Amino acid sequence: MADSYRGVFGAIPYAIRETESWTMRVYGVIGALAAGLIATVVTLALVVWMAETTNVQGGTFLFSRSLYVIAGFAAVAPLLAPLLFVARRHRRDDPVKPGYDRKLAYGGFLFLCSLYVGLIISAPAELRDPTESIVVGALYALPQITGVVPPVLAALVVFATHYRLRGAAERDATDTP
């Protein structure tokens, strides 16, 4: 355990260093930077929002601030999950199916893309640029509330990939005499 890591911030470089998958290494850098950027934006936006609503009594505003923090965590957690799963697997030397690291990286990239698609769908009307793109036009035509669907589905794919590949390897390991 001399080369082990300590916490989330140590797990990211550990996963990048220990994986043999170049896809996971690239995702490790991009995913960690994206998670850091999102965490910074959410934190700064929360500070500005709190400053703008300092004279308001508790209740609804306090509740919506809490939801804002939860939404920020919901955007960052699936970005870091593939890295944390890979770091844990390498630290514990868990049995997994071949391609585990690479497939988790694909899931992470899928989640990152789904965040972008969700932002396009949920963009306010005054921020939407006129476009000739059929795809963007179709995304703009969807109700704004459906902007949460792509990230939720992609996050489920990340976690399902982990459990499917990890769980199948554990079952295979216990079935052999």
N, C-alpha and C. Protein backbone atom coordinates (compact mmCIF):
# COMPACT_ATOMS: atom_id res chain seq x y z
N MET A 1 0.82 -1.21 0.00
CA MET A 1 0.00 0.00 0.00
C MET A 1 0.86 1.27 0.00
N ALA A 2 2.12 1.13 -0.24
CA ALA A 2 3.01 2.29 -0.25
C ALA A 2 2.66 3.23 -1.40
N ASP A 3 2.15 2.66 -2.52
CA ASP A 3 1.80 3.50 -3.65
C ASP A 3 0.31 3.82 -3.67
N SER A 4 -0.34 3.69 -2.54
CA SER A 4 -1.76 3.96 -2.45
C SER A 4 -2.01 5.46 -2.52
N TYR A 5 -3.26 5.83 -2.54
CA TYR A 5 -3.64 7.23 -2.61
C TYR A 5 -4.41 7.61 -1.37
N ARG A 6 -4.59 8.89 -1.18
CA ARG A 6 -5.33 9.40 -0.02
C ARG A 6 -6.45 10.30 -0.53
N GLY A 7 -7.65 9.79 -0.53
CA GLY A 7 -8.82 10.59 -0.89
C GLY A 7 -9.00 10.79 -2.38
N VAL A 8 -9.98 11.62 -2.71
CA VAL A 8 -10.36 11.86 -4.10
C VAL A 8 -9.22 12.51 -4.88
N PHE A 9 -8.56 13.50 -4.30
CA PHE A 9 -7.53 14.22 -5.03
C PHE A 9 -6.31 13.34 -5.31
N GLY A 10 -6.06 12.36 -4.51
CA GLY A 10 -4.98 11.42 -4.77
C GLY A 10 -5.39 10.31 -5.71
N ALA A 11 -6.69 10.01 -5.75
CA ALA A 11 -7.18 8.92 -6.60
C ALA A 11 -7.09 9.26 -8.08
N ILE A 12 -7.24 10.53 -8.41
CA ILE A 12 -7.22 10.91 -9.82
C ILE A 12 -5.85 10.65 -10.45
N PRO A 13 -4.75 11.17 -9.89
CA PRO A 13 -3.45 10.84 -10.50
C PRO A 13 -3.10 9.36 -10.37
N TYR A 14 -3.57 8.72 -9.30
CA TYR A 14 -3.32 7.29 -9.13
C TYR A 14 -3.97 6.50 -10.25
N ALA A 15 -5.22 6.82 -10.59
CA ALA A 15 -5.92 6.12 -11.67
C ALA A 15 -5.22 6.35 -13.00
N ILE A 16 -4.80 7.58 -13.26
CA ILE A 16 -4.11 7.90 -14.50
C ILE A 16 -2.79 7.15 -14.58
N ARG A 17 -2.10 7.08 -13.48
CA ARG A 17 -0.78 6.44 -13.44
C ARG A 17 -0.88 4.92 -13.54
N GLU A 18 -1.87 4.31 -12.90
CA GLU A 18 -1.93 2.86 -12.80
C GLU A 18 -2.64 2.17 -13.97
N THR A 19 -3.49 2.87 -14.69
CA THR A 19 -4.22 2.23 -15.78
C THR A 19 -3.30 1.97 -16.97
N GLU A 20 -3.62 0.92 -17.71
CA GLU A 20 -2.89 0.63 -18.94
C GLU A 20 -3.63 1.18 -20.15
N SER A 21 -4.82 1.68 -19.95
CA SER A 21 -5.65 2.19 -21.04
C SER A 21 -5.33 3.66 -21.31
N TRP A 22 -4.93 3.94 -22.55
CA TRP A 22 -4.68 5.33 -22.92
C TRP A 22 -5.98 6.12 -22.97
N THR A 23 -7.07 5.46 -23.27
CA THR A 23 -8.37 6.13 -23.27
C THR A 23 -8.69 6.64 -21.86
N MET A 24 -8.42 5.81 -20.86
CA MET A 24 -8.67 6.23 -19.48
C MET A 24 -7.70 7.33 -19.07
N ARG A 25 -6.48 7.28 -19.52
CA ARG A 25 -5.52 8.34 -19.18
C ARG A 25 -5.97 9.68 -19.75
N VAL A 26 -6.42 9.66 -21.01
CA VAL A 26 -6.91 10.90 -21.63
C VAL A 26 -8.16 11.38 -20.90
N TYR A 27 -9.07 10.43 -20.61
CA TYR A 27 -10.28 10.82 -19.87
C TYR A 27 -9.93 11.34 -18.48
N GLY A 28 -8.92 10.74 -17.86
CA GLY A 28 -8.52 11.19 -16.53
C GLY A 28 -8.16 12.66 -16.51
N VAL A 29 -7.41 13.09 -17.52
CA VAL A 29 -7.01 14.50 -17.59
C VAL A 29 -8.21 15.37 -17.93
N ILE A 30 -8.94 15.00 -18.98
CA ILE A 30 -10.09 15.82 -19.42
C ILE A 30 -11.21 15.81 -18.38
N GLY A 31 -11.52 14.63 -17.83
CA GLY A 31 -12.58 14.54 -16.83
C GLY A 31 -12.26 15.31 -15.56
N ALA A 32 -11.00 15.22 -15.11
CA ALA A 32 -10.62 15.95 -13.90
C ALA A 32 -10.67 17.46 -14.13
N LEU A 33 -10.20 17.90 -15.30
CA LEU A 33 -10.27 19.33 -15.60
C LEU A 33 -11.72 19.82 -15.72
N ALA A 34 -12.56 19.02 -16.37
CA ALA A 34 -13.98 19.39 -16.49
C ALA A 34 -14.66 19.42 -15.12
N ALA A 35 -14.36 18.45 -14.28
CA ALA A 35 -14.94 18.42 -12.94
C ALA A 35 -14.48 19.63 -12.13
N GLY A 36 -13.21 19.97 -12.24
CA GLY A 36 -12.70 21.15 -11.54
C GLY A 36 -13.34 22.43 -12.04
N LEU A 37 -13.51 22.54 -13.35
CA LEU A 37 -14.15 23.72 -13.93
C LEU A 37 -15.60 23.83 -13.48
N ILE A 38 -16.33 22.73 -13.53
CA ILE A 38 -17.73 22.75 -13.11
C ILE A 38 -17.84 23.09 -11.62
N ALA A 39 -16.98 22.50 -10.80
CA ALA A 39 -17.01 22.79 -9.36
C ALA A 39 -16.70 24.26 -9.10
N THR A 40 -15.77 24.82 -9.84
CA THR A 40 -15.43 26.24 -9.67
C THR A 40 -16.58 27.14 -10.09
N VAL A 41 -17.18 26.85 -11.23
CA VAL A 41 -18.31 27.66 -11.72
C VAL A 41 -19.48 27.59 -10.74
N VAL A 42 -19.80 26.39 -10.28
CA VAL A 42 -20.92 26.23 -9.34
C VAL A 42 -20.62 26.97 -8.04
N THR A 43 -19.41 26.88 -7.54
CA THR A 43 -19.05 27.56 -6.30
C THR A 43 -19.13 29.07 -6.46
N LEU A 44 -18.56 29.61 -7.54
CA LEU A 44 -18.61 31.06 -7.75
C LEU A 44 -20.04 31.55 -7.98
N ALA A 45 -20.82 30.78 -8.72
CA ALA A 45 -22.21 31.18 -8.95
C ALA A 45 -23.00 31.17 -7.65
N LEU A 46 -22.73 30.19 -6.79
CA LEU A 46 -23.41 30.14 -5.50
C LEU A 46 -23.03 31.33 -4.63
N VAL A 47 -21.77 31.71 -4.64
CA VAL A 47 -21.33 32.88 -3.87
C VAL A 47 -22.02 34.14 -4.37
N VAL A 48 -22.09 34.31 -5.69
CA VAL A 48 -22.77 35.48 -6.26
C VAL A 48 -24.25 35.46 -5.91
N TRP A 49 -24.87 34.31 -6.03
CA TRP A 49 -26.30 34.19 -5.72
C TRP A 49 -26.57 34.50 -4.26
N MET A 50 -25.72 34.02 -3.38
CA MET A 50 -25.90 34.30 -1.95
C MET A 50 -25.72 35.78 -1.66
N ALA A 51 -24.78 36.42 -2.34
CA ALA A 51 -24.57 37.86 -2.14
C ALA A 51 -25.77 38.66 -2.63
N GLU A 52 -26.37 38.22 -3.71
CA GLU A 52 -27.53 38.94 -4.25
C GLU A 52 -28.79 38.75 -3.41
N THR A 53 -28.84 37.70 -2.62
CA THR A 53 -30.05 37.41 -1.84
C THR A 53 -29.79 37.47 -0.34
N THR A 54 -28.85 38.29 0.10
CA THR A 54 -28.53 38.35 1.52
C THR A 54 -29.66 38.96 2.35
N ASN A 55 -30.43 39.85 1.79
CA ASN A 55 -31.50 40.50 2.54
C ASN A 55 -32.80 39.72 2.55
N VAL A 56 -32.84 38.61 1.89
CA VAL A 56 -34.05 37.81 1.79
C VAL A 56 -34.08 36.84 2.97
N GLN A 57 -35.28 36.63 3.51
CA GLN A 57 -35.45 35.68 4.60
C GLN A 57 -35.23 34.26 4.09
N GLY A 58 -35.06 33.32 4.99
CA GLY A 58 -34.82 31.91 4.63
C GLY A 58 -35.98 31.32 3.86
N GLY A 59 -36.21 30.07 3.99
CA GLY A 59 -37.32 29.43 3.32
C GLY A 59 -36.95 28.98 1.93
N THR A 60 -37.68 29.48 0.94
CA THR A 60 -37.51 29.03 -0.44
C THR A 60 -36.11 29.30 -0.97
N PHE A 61 -35.54 30.48 -0.69
CA PHE A 61 -34.20 30.79 -1.19
C PHE A 61 -33.16 29.86 -0.58
N LEU A 62 -33.27 29.57 0.70
CA LEU A 62 -32.32 28.68 1.35
C LEU A 62 -32.44 27.28 0.76
N PHE A 63 -33.67 26.85 0.53
CA PHE A 63 -33.89 25.53 -0.06
C PHE A 63 -33.33 25.47 -1.48
N SER A 64 -33.53 26.51 -2.29
CA SER A 64 -33.04 26.50 -3.67
C SER A 64 -31.51 26.56 -3.71
N ARG A 65 -30.88 27.22 -2.75
CA ARG A 65 -29.42 27.20 -2.67
C ARG A 65 -28.92 25.79 -2.42
N SER A 66 -29.60 25.08 -1.55
CA SER A 66 -29.22 23.69 -1.27
C SER A 66 -29.37 22.83 -2.51
N LEU A 67 -30.44 23.03 -3.25
CA LEU A 67 -30.64 22.27 -4.48
C LEU A 67 -29.56 22.60 -5.51
N TYR A 68 -29.11 23.84 -5.52
CA TYR A 68 -28.05 24.26 -6.44
C TYR A 68 -26.76 23.50 -6.14
N VAL A 69 -26.43 23.34 -4.89
CA VAL A 69 -25.24 22.59 -4.49
C VAL A 69 -25.40 21.12 -4.87
N ILE A 70 -26.58 20.56 -4.67
CA ILE A 70 -26.83 19.16 -5.02
C ILE A 70 -26.73 18.97 -6.54
N ALA A 71 -27.24 19.93 -7.31
CA ALA A 71 -27.14 19.84 -8.77
C ALA A 71 -25.68 19.92 -9.21
N GLY A 72 -24.89 20.75 -8.58
CA GLY A 72 -23.46 20.81 -8.90
C GLY A 72 -22.76 19.51 -8.59
N PHE A 73 -23.09 18.92 -7.45
CA PHE A 73 -22.52 17.62 -7.09
C PHE A 73 -22.96 16.55 -8.07
N ALA A 74 -24.21 16.61 -8.52
CA ALA A 74 -24.71 15.63 -9.48
C ALA A 74 -24.02 15.74 -10.83
N ALA A 75 -23.49 16.91 -11.14
CA ALA A 75 -22.74 17.07 -12.39
C ALA A 75 -21.30 16.61 -12.25
N VAL A 76 -20.73 16.74 -11.07
CA VAL A 76 -19.31 16.40 -10.86
C VAL A 76 -19.13 14.93 -10.50
N ALA A 77 -20.01 14.36 -9.74
CA ALA A 77 -19.83 12.98 -9.27
C ALA A 77 -19.71 11.97 -10.41
N PRO A 78 -20.60 11.98 -11.42
CA PRO A 78 -20.42 11.01 -12.51
C PRO A 78 -19.18 11.27 -13.36
N LEU A 79 -18.67 12.50 -13.35
CA LEU A 79 -17.42 12.77 -14.06
C LEU A 79 -16.23 12.11 -13.36
N LEU A 80 -16.26 12.12 -12.04
CA LEU A 80 -15.16 11.54 -11.27
C LEU A 80 -15.33 10.05 -11.02
N ALA A 81 -16.54 9.54 -11.14
CA ALA A 81 -16.80 8.14 -10.83
C ALA A 81 -15.92 7.16 -11.62
N PRO A 82 -15.76 7.32 -12.94
CA PRO A 82 -14.88 6.37 -13.64
C PRO A 82 -13.45 6.38 -13.09
N LEU A 83 -12.94 7.53 -12.75
CA LEU A 83 -11.59 7.63 -12.20
C LEU A 83 -11.51 6.96 -10.83
N LEU A 84 -12.52 7.18 -10.01
CA LEU A 84 -12.52 6.59 -8.68
C LEU A 84 -12.68 5.07 -8.75
N PHE A 85 -13.53 4.60 -9.66
CA PHE A 85 -13.69 3.16 -9.82
C PHE A 85 -12.39 2.50 -10.28
N VAL A 86 -11.72 3.12 -11.23
CA VAL A 86 -10.47 2.56 -11.76
C VAL A 86 -9.38 2.60 -10.69
N ALA A 87 -9.29 3.69 -9.94
CA ALA A 87 -8.29 3.77 -8.88
C ALA A 87 -8.54 2.69 -7.83
N ARG A 88 -9.78 2.50 -7.47
CA ARG A 88 -10.12 1.49 -6.46
C ARG A 88 -9.79 0.09 -6.98
N ARG A 89 -10.12 -0.16 -8.24
CA ARG A 89 -9.84 -1.46 -8.83
C ARG A 89 -8.35 -1.77 -8.82
N HIS A 90 -7.53 -0.80 -9.18
CA HIS A 90 -6.08 -1.03 -9.21
C HIS A 90 -5.48 -1.13 -7.82
N ARG A 91 -6.00 -0.35 -6.90
CA ARG A 91 -5.47 -0.40 -5.54
C ARG A 91 -5.76 -1.75 -4.89
N ARG A 92 -6.98 -2.25 -5.11
CA ARG A 92 -7.39 -3.51 -4.48
C ARG A 92 -7.11 -4.72 -5.37
N ASP A 93 -6.68 -4.47 -6.60
CA ASP A 93 -6.41 -5.55 -7.57
C ASP A 93 -7.65 -6.42 -7.75
N ASP A 94 -8.81 -5.77 -7.90
CA ASP A 94 -10.09 -6.48 -8.08
C ASP A 94 -10.15 -7.16 -9.44
N PRO A 95 -10.79 -8.31 -9.50
CA PRO A 95 -10.97 -8.96 -10.80
C PRO A 95 -12.07 -8.26 -11.60
N VAL A 96 -11.76 -7.93 -12.83
CA VAL A 96 -12.75 -7.29 -13.71
C VAL A 96 -12.62 -7.89 -15.11
N LYS A 97 -13.63 -7.66 -15.92
CA LYS A 97 -13.60 -8.11 -17.30
C LYS A 97 -12.56 -7.29 -18.08
N PRO A 98 -12.01 -7.86 -19.15
CA PRO A 98 -11.07 -7.11 -19.98
C PRO A 98 -11.74 -5.85 -20.55
N GLY A 99 -11.00 -4.78 -20.63
CA GLY A 99 -11.52 -3.53 -21.17
C GLY A 99 -12.26 -2.68 -20.15
N TYR A 100 -12.21 -3.04 -18.89
CA TYR A 100 -12.94 -2.32 -17.83
C TYR A 100 -12.57 -0.84 -17.82
N ASP A 101 -11.27 -0.54 -17.78
CA ASP A 101 -10.83 0.86 -17.71
C ASP A 101 -11.27 1.64 -18.95
N ARG A 102 -11.08 1.05 -20.12
CA ARG A 102 -11.42 1.71 -21.38
C ARG A 102 -12.92 1.97 -21.47
N LYS A 103 -13.73 0.99 -21.11
CA LYS A 103 -15.19 1.16 -21.20
C LYS A 103 -15.70 2.18 -20.20
N LEU A 104 -15.08 2.24 -19.03
CA LEU A 104 -15.47 3.30 -18.08
C LEU A 104 -15.09 4.68 -18.60
N ALA A 105 -13.96 4.76 -19.28
CA ALA A 105 -13.57 6.05 -19.90
C ALA A 105 -14.58 6.46 -20.96
N TYR A 106 -15.03 5.50 -21.76
CA TYR A 106 -16.07 5.82 -22.75
C TYR A 106 -17.34 6.32 -22.07
N GLY A 107 -17.70 5.69 -20.96
CA GLY A 107 -18.86 6.16 -20.21
C GLY A 107 -18.67 7.57 -19.68
N GLY A 108 -17.46 7.87 -19.23
CA GLY A 108 -17.16 9.23 -18.75
C GLY A 108 -17.27 10.26 -19.87
N PHE A 109 -16.72 9.92 -21.04
CA PHE A 109 -16.83 10.82 -22.19
C PHE A 109 -18.29 11.00 -22.60
N LEU A 110 -19.06 9.91 -22.54
CA LEU A 110 -20.49 10.00 -22.85
C LEU A 110 -21.19 10.96 -21.88
N PHE A 111 -20.85 10.87 -20.59
CA PHE A 111 -21.46 11.78 -19.63
C PHE A 111 -21.07 13.23 -19.90
N LEU A 112 -19.82 13.45 -20.24
CA LEU A 112 -19.36 14.81 -20.54
C LEU A 112 -20.12 15.38 -21.74
N CYS A 113 -20.30 14.58 -22.77
CA CYS A 113 -21.07 15.02 -23.94
C CYS A 113 -22.54 15.25 -23.59
N SER A 114 -23.07 14.41 -22.72
CA SER A 114 -24.48 14.56 -22.34
C SER A 114 -24.72 15.84 -21.55
N LEU A 115 -23.72 16.28 -20.79
CA LEU A 115 -23.85 17.57 -20.11
C LEU A 115 -24.00 18.70 -21.13
N TYR A 116 -23.23 18.64 -22.19
CA TYR A 116 -23.31 19.65 -23.24
C TYR A 116 -24.68 19.62 -23.92
N VAL A 117 -25.16 18.43 -24.25
CA VAL A 117 -26.48 18.30 -24.88
C VAL A 117 -27.56 18.81 -23.93
N GLY A 118 -27.44 18.48 -22.65
CA GLY A 118 -28.41 18.97 -21.67
C GLY A 118 -28.40 20.49 -21.56
N LEU A 119 -27.22 21.09 -21.67
CA LEU A 119 -27.14 22.56 -21.63
C LEU A 119 -27.79 23.17 -22.86
N ILE A 120 -27.63 22.55 -24.01
CA ILE A 120 -28.28 23.07 -25.22
C ILE A 120 -29.79 23.00 -25.07
N ILE A 121 -30.30 21.89 -24.59
CA ILE A 121 -31.75 21.72 -24.44
C ILE A 121 -32.31 22.73 -23.44
N SER A 122 -31.61 22.94 -22.33
CA SER A 122 -32.15 23.78 -21.26
C SER A 122 -31.75 25.25 -21.38
N ALA A 123 -31.13 25.64 -22.46
CA ALA A 123 -30.74 27.05 -22.63
C ALA A 123 -31.97 27.94 -22.69
N PRO A 124 -31.94 29.08 -21.98
CA PRO A 124 -33.07 30.01 -22.06
C PRO A 124 -33.24 30.54 -23.48
N ALA A 125 -34.46 30.89 -23.83
CA ALA A 125 -34.78 31.32 -25.19
C ALA A 125 -33.94 32.53 -25.62
N GLU A 126 -33.66 33.44 -24.70
CA GLU A 126 -32.90 34.64 -25.08
C GLU A 126 -31.41 34.35 -25.33
N LEU A 127 -30.94 33.19 -24.93
CA LEU A 127 -29.54 32.82 -25.17
C LEU A 127 -29.37 31.86 -26.35
N ARG A 128 -30.46 31.47 -26.95
CA ARG A 128 -30.39 30.55 -28.08
C ARG A 128 -30.09 31.32 -29.36
N ASP A 129 -29.05 30.89 -30.06
CA ASP A 129 -28.70 31.51 -31.33
C ASP A 129 -29.50 30.85 -32.45
N PRO A 130 -29.92 31.65 -33.42
CA PRO A 130 -30.59 31.03 -34.57
C PRO A 130 -29.59 30.11 -35.29
N THR A 131 -30.05 28.95 -35.70
CA THR A 131 -29.16 27.99 -36.32
C THR A 131 -29.84 27.28 -37.48
N GLU A 132 -29.03 26.84 -38.42
CA GLU A 132 -29.55 26.06 -39.53
C GLU A 132 -29.35 24.57 -39.28
N SER A 133 -28.72 24.23 -38.16
CA SER A 133 -28.47 22.84 -37.82
C SER A 133 -29.78 22.15 -37.43
N ILE A 134 -30.03 21.03 -38.06
CA ILE A 134 -31.25 20.27 -37.76
C ILE A 134 -31.19 19.70 -36.35
N VAL A 135 -30.00 19.23 -35.95
CA VAL A 135 -29.86 18.61 -34.63
C VAL A 135 -30.07 19.64 -33.52
N VAL A 136 -29.40 20.79 -33.64
CA VAL A 136 -29.54 21.83 -32.61
C VAL A 136 -30.97 22.36 -32.60
N GLY A 137 -31.57 22.53 -33.77
CA GLY A 137 -32.97 22.96 -33.85
C GLY A 137 -33.90 21.99 -33.16
N ALA A 138 -33.64 20.70 -33.33
CA ALA A 138 -34.47 19.68 -32.67
C ALA A 138 -34.28 19.71 -31.16
N LEU A 139 -33.03 19.95 -30.72
CA LEU A 139 -32.78 20.04 -29.27
C LEU A 139 -33.43 21.29 -28.68
N TYR A 140 -33.40 22.40 -29.42
CA TYR A 140 -34.07 23.63 -28.96
C TYR A 140 -35.58 23.43 -28.87
N ALA A 141 -36.14 22.58 -29.72
CA ALA A 141 -37.58 22.38 -29.75
C ALA A 141 -38.08 21.58 -28.55
N LEU A 142 -37.19 20.84 -27.89
CA LEU A 142 -37.59 20.06 -26.72
C LEU A 142 -37.91 20.99 -25.54
N PRO A 143 -38.80 20.58 -24.65
CA PRO A 143 -39.04 21.38 -23.44
C PRO A 143 -37.76 21.48 -22.61
N GLN A 144 -37.54 22.62 -21.98
CA GLN A 144 -36.31 22.85 -21.23
C GLN A 144 -36.09 21.84 -20.11
N ILE A 145 -37.15 21.37 -19.51
CA ILE A 145 -37.03 20.43 -18.39
C ILE A 145 -36.40 19.11 -18.83
N THR A 146 -36.50 18.77 -20.12
CA THR A 146 -35.90 17.52 -20.61
C THR A 146 -34.38 17.61 -20.72
N GLY A 147 -33.82 18.75 -20.40
CA GLY A 147 -32.37 18.90 -20.41
C GLY A 147 -31.67 18.04 -19.37
N VAL A 148 -32.39 17.56 -18.36
CA VAL A 148 -31.79 16.68 -17.35
C VAL A 148 -31.74 15.23 -17.81
N VAL A 149 -32.50 14.88 -18.82
CA VAL A 149 -32.58 13.48 -19.23
C VAL A 149 -31.24 12.95 -19.77
N PRO A 150 -30.57 13.62 -20.71
CA PRO A 150 -29.31 13.07 -21.22
C PRO A 150 -28.25 12.84 -20.12
N PRO A 151 -28.00 13.80 -19.21
CA PRO A 151 -27.01 13.52 -18.17
C PRO A 151 -27.41 12.40 -17.22
N VAL A 152 -28.70 12.30 -16.91
CA VAL A 152 -29.14 11.23 -16.01
C VAL A 152 -28.95 9.88 -16.68
N LEU A 153 -29.32 9.76 -17.94
CA LEU A 153 -29.14 8.50 -18.66
C LEU A 153 -27.66 8.15 -18.79
N ALA A 154 -26.82 9.13 -19.10
CA ALA A 154 -25.39 8.87 -19.23
C ALA A 154 -24.76 8.49 -17.90
N ALA A 155 -25.20 9.10 -16.81
CA ALA A 155 -24.70 8.73 -15.48
C ALA A 155 -25.09 7.29 -15.16
N LEU A 156 -26.30 6.91 -15.52
CA LEU A 156 -26.72 5.52 -15.31
C LEU A 156 -25.87 4.56 -16.14
N VAL A 157 -25.48 4.98 -17.33
CA VAL A 157 -24.60 4.14 -18.16
C VAL A 157 -23.25 3.94 -17.49
N VAL A 158 -22.69 5.01 -16.90
CA VAL A 158 -21.39 4.91 -16.21
C VAL A 158 -21.48 3.90 -15.07
N PHE A 159 -22.50 4.04 -14.23
CA PHE A 159 -22.62 3.15 -13.08
C PHE A 159 -22.99 1.73 -13.50
N ALA A 160 -23.82 1.58 -14.53
CA ALA A 160 -24.17 0.25 -15.02
C ALA A 160 -22.96 -0.45 -15.63
N THR A 161 -22.13 0.29 -16.33
CA THR A 161 -20.91 -0.28 -16.90
C THR A 161 -20.01 -0.81 -15.81
N HIS A 162 -19.84 -0.02 -14.76
CA HIS A 162 -19.00 -0.46 -13.64
C HIS A 162 -19.56 -1.73 -13.01
N TYR A 163 -20.83 -1.76 -12.70
CA TYR A 163 -21.40 -2.90 -12.01
C TYR A 163 -21.49 -4.13 -12.90
N ARG A 164 -21.73 -3.92 -14.20
CA ARG A 164 -21.81 -5.05 -15.11
C ARG A 164 -20.44 -5.70 -15.30
N LEU A 165 -19.41 -4.90 -15.54
CA LEU A 165 -18.08 -5.46 -15.78
C LEU A 165 -17.42 -5.97 -14.50
N ARG A 166 -17.65 -5.28 -13.40
CA ARG A 166 -17.08 -5.73 -12.14
C ARG A 166 -17.83 -6.95 -11.63
N GLY A 167 -19.14 -6.90 -11.65
CA GLY A 167 -19.95 -7.99 -11.12
C GLY A 167 -19.78 -9.27 -11.91
N ALA A 168 -19.66 -9.17 -13.23
CA ALA A 168 -19.49 -10.37 -14.05
C ALA A 168 -18.15 -11.03 -13.76
N ALA A 169 -17.12 -10.26 -13.54
CA ALA A 169 -15.80 -10.82 -13.24
C ALA A 169 -15.80 -11.49 -11.87
N GLU A 170 -16.51 -10.91 -10.91
CA GLU A 170 -16.59 -11.52 -9.58
C GLU A 170 -17.35 -12.85 -9.65
N ARG A 171 -18.43 -12.89 -10.45
CA ARG A 171 -19.17 -14.14 -10.61
C ARG A 171 -18.30 -15.19 -11.29
N ASP A 172 -17.54 -14.78 -12.31
CA ASP A 172 -16.65 -15.71 -13.00
C ASP A 172 -15.58 -16.25 -12.07
N ALA A 173 -15.05 -15.40 -11.19
CA ALA A 173 -13.99 -15.80 -10.28
C ALA A 173 -14.52 -16.80 -9.23
N THR A 174 -15.78 -16.65 -8.81
CA THR A 174 -16.32 -17.57 -7.80
C THR A 174 -16.81 -18.87 -8.42
N ASP A 175 -17.10 -18.86 -9.74
CA ASP A 175 -17.58 -20.07 -10.41
C ASP A 175 -16.44 -21.05 -10.71
N THR A 176 -15.22 -20.56 -10.82
CA THR A 176 -14.11 -21.45 -11.16
C THR A 176 -13.64 -22.17 -9.90
N PRO A 177 -13.33 -23.48 -10.03
CA PRO A 177 -12.92 -24.26 -8.84
C PRO A 177 -11.50 -23.96 -8.43
